[in-house]
Amino acid sequence: MKILGGKWKLPILFRLMSGQMRFSTLASLIPNLSRKVLSEQLKQMEKDGLVHREEFDQSPPKVEYSLTKQARKLKPILEDLCQWNKSTTNPKK
């Protein structure tokens, strides 16, 4: 649970579930997250084994992020959390 803590890790992981993404794409999908914090969170999640960072040897430089095999195991849990959040923020009357 410690490696998933914090405000931004779950939203980042949820976005990466759709596949490999460039930094700028991730940043645009989470507009309230600063680029500095996104960079820090990605580095931490890479260190924790949740995110894979792939650098391409080209000009201009290209870097893409994806979930590791371990992080992909979280998909059903994150989907359940998303559904739970929707049900608590929009309860049926």
Protein backbone atom coordinates (compact mmCIF):
# COMPACT_ATOMS: atom_id res chain seq x y z
CA MET A 1 0.00 0.00 0.00
CA LYS A 2 2.89 2.35 0.69
CA ILE A 3 3.99 2.40 -2.96
CA LEU A 4 0.45 3.33 -4.07
CA GLY A 5 0.05 6.11 -1.52
CA GLY A 6 -0.22 9.75 -2.37
CA LYS A 7 -2.56 11.84 -4.40
CA TRP A 8 -1.30 11.15 -7.92
CA LYS A 9 -0.04 7.57 -8.21
CA LEU A 10 -3.44 5.96 -8.74
CA PRO A 11 -4.54 8.47 -11.40
CA ILE A 12 -1.22 7.99 -13.23
CA LEU A 13 -1.47 4.20 -13.09
CA PHE A 14 -5.08 4.32 -14.24
CA ARG A 15 -4.13 6.40 -17.32
CA LEU A 16 -1.23 4.07 -18.15
CA MET A 17 -3.59 1.08 -18.20
CA SER A 18 -4.61 2.08 -21.70
CA GLY A 19 -1.05 1.48 -22.92
CA GLN A 20 2.35 3.04 -23.48
CA MET A 21 2.37 6.85 -23.30
CA ARG A 22 4.69 9.75 -23.72
CA PHE A 23 5.19 12.18 -20.84
CA SER A 24 3.32 15.00 -22.59
CA THR A 25 0.30 12.77 -23.19
CA LEU A 26 0.17 11.78 -19.54
CA ALA A 27 0.52 15.41 -18.49
CA SER A 28 -2.41 16.43 -20.70
CA LEU A 29 -4.62 13.65 -19.31
CA ILE A 30 -4.10 14.86 -15.72
CA PRO A 31 -4.30 18.66 -16.07
CA ASN A 32 -4.20 19.48 -12.33
CA LEU A 33 -0.90 17.64 -11.94
CA SER A 34 2.22 19.76 -12.47
CA ARG A 35 4.88 18.44 -14.82
CA LYS A 36 7.41 18.51 -11.97
CA VAL A 37 5.26 16.34 -9.71
CA LEU A 38 4.42 14.00 -12.61
CA SER A 39 8.12 13.54 -13.28
CA GLU A 40 8.83 12.85 -9.59
CA GLN A 41 5.94 10.37 -9.32
CA LEU A 42 7.01 8.51 -12.47
CA LYS A 43 10.58 8.23 -11.18
CA GLN A 44 9.34 6.89 -7.85
CA MET A 45 7.00 4.39 -9.51
CA GLU A 46 9.83 3.26 -11.79
CA LYS A 47 12.00 2.72 -8.71
CA ASP A 48 9.14 0.77 -7.06
CA GLY A 49 8.75 -1.48 -10.10
CA LEU A 50 5.34 -0.21 -11.24
CA VAL A 51 6.35 1.81 -14.31
CA HIS A 52 8.72 0.99 -17.14
CA ARG A 53 10.53 3.90 -18.82
CA GLU A 54 11.75 3.31 -22.36
CA GLU A 55 14.11 5.71 -24.08
CA PHE A 56 14.35 5.68 -27.86
CA ASP A 57 17.64 6.61 -29.49
CA GLN A 58 16.43 9.26 -31.89
CA SER A 59 16.39 12.99 -32.39
CA PRO A 60 14.47 14.63 -30.84
CA PRO A 61 14.66 12.32 -27.82
CA LYS A 62 11.61 10.19 -27.16
CA VAL A 63 10.63 8.55 -23.86
CA GLU A 64 7.56 6.43 -23.25
CA TYR A 65 6.10 5.04 -20.05
CA SER A 66 4.15 1.84 -19.54
CA LEU A 67 3.04 -0.38 -16.70
CA THR A 68 5.20 -3.28 -15.62
CA LYS A 69 3.78 -6.79 -15.46
CA GLN A 70 3.46 -6.38 -11.69
CA ALA A 71 1.49 -3.13 -12.05
CA ARG A 72 -0.85 -4.64 -14.67
CA LYS A 73 -2.00 -7.07 -11.97
CA LEU A 74 -3.56 -4.05 -10.24
CA LYS A 75 -5.98 -3.40 -13.11
CA PRO A 76 -9.04 -5.15 -11.60
CA ILE A 77 -8.40 -3.47 -8.25
CA LEU A 78 -8.09 -0.02 -9.80
CA GLU A 79 -11.23 -0.56 -11.86
CA ASP A 80 -13.10 -1.55 -8.68
CA LEU A 81 -11.78 1.55 -6.91
CA CYS A 82 -12.95 3.70 -9.80
CA GLN A 83 -16.44 2.18 -9.67
CA TRP A 84 -16.54 2.58 -5.89
CA ASN A 85 -15.53 6.23 -6.21
CA LYS A 86 -18.26 6.87 -8.77
CA SER A 87 -20.86 5.24 -6.55
CA THR A 88 -19.86 7.31 -3.50
CA THR A 89 -19.66 10.64 -5.32
CA ASN A 90 -22.92 10.09 -7.24
CA PRO A 91 -25.06 7.97 -4.92
CA LYS A 92 -28.40 6.82 -6.28
CA LYS A 93 -31.28 8.45 -4.50
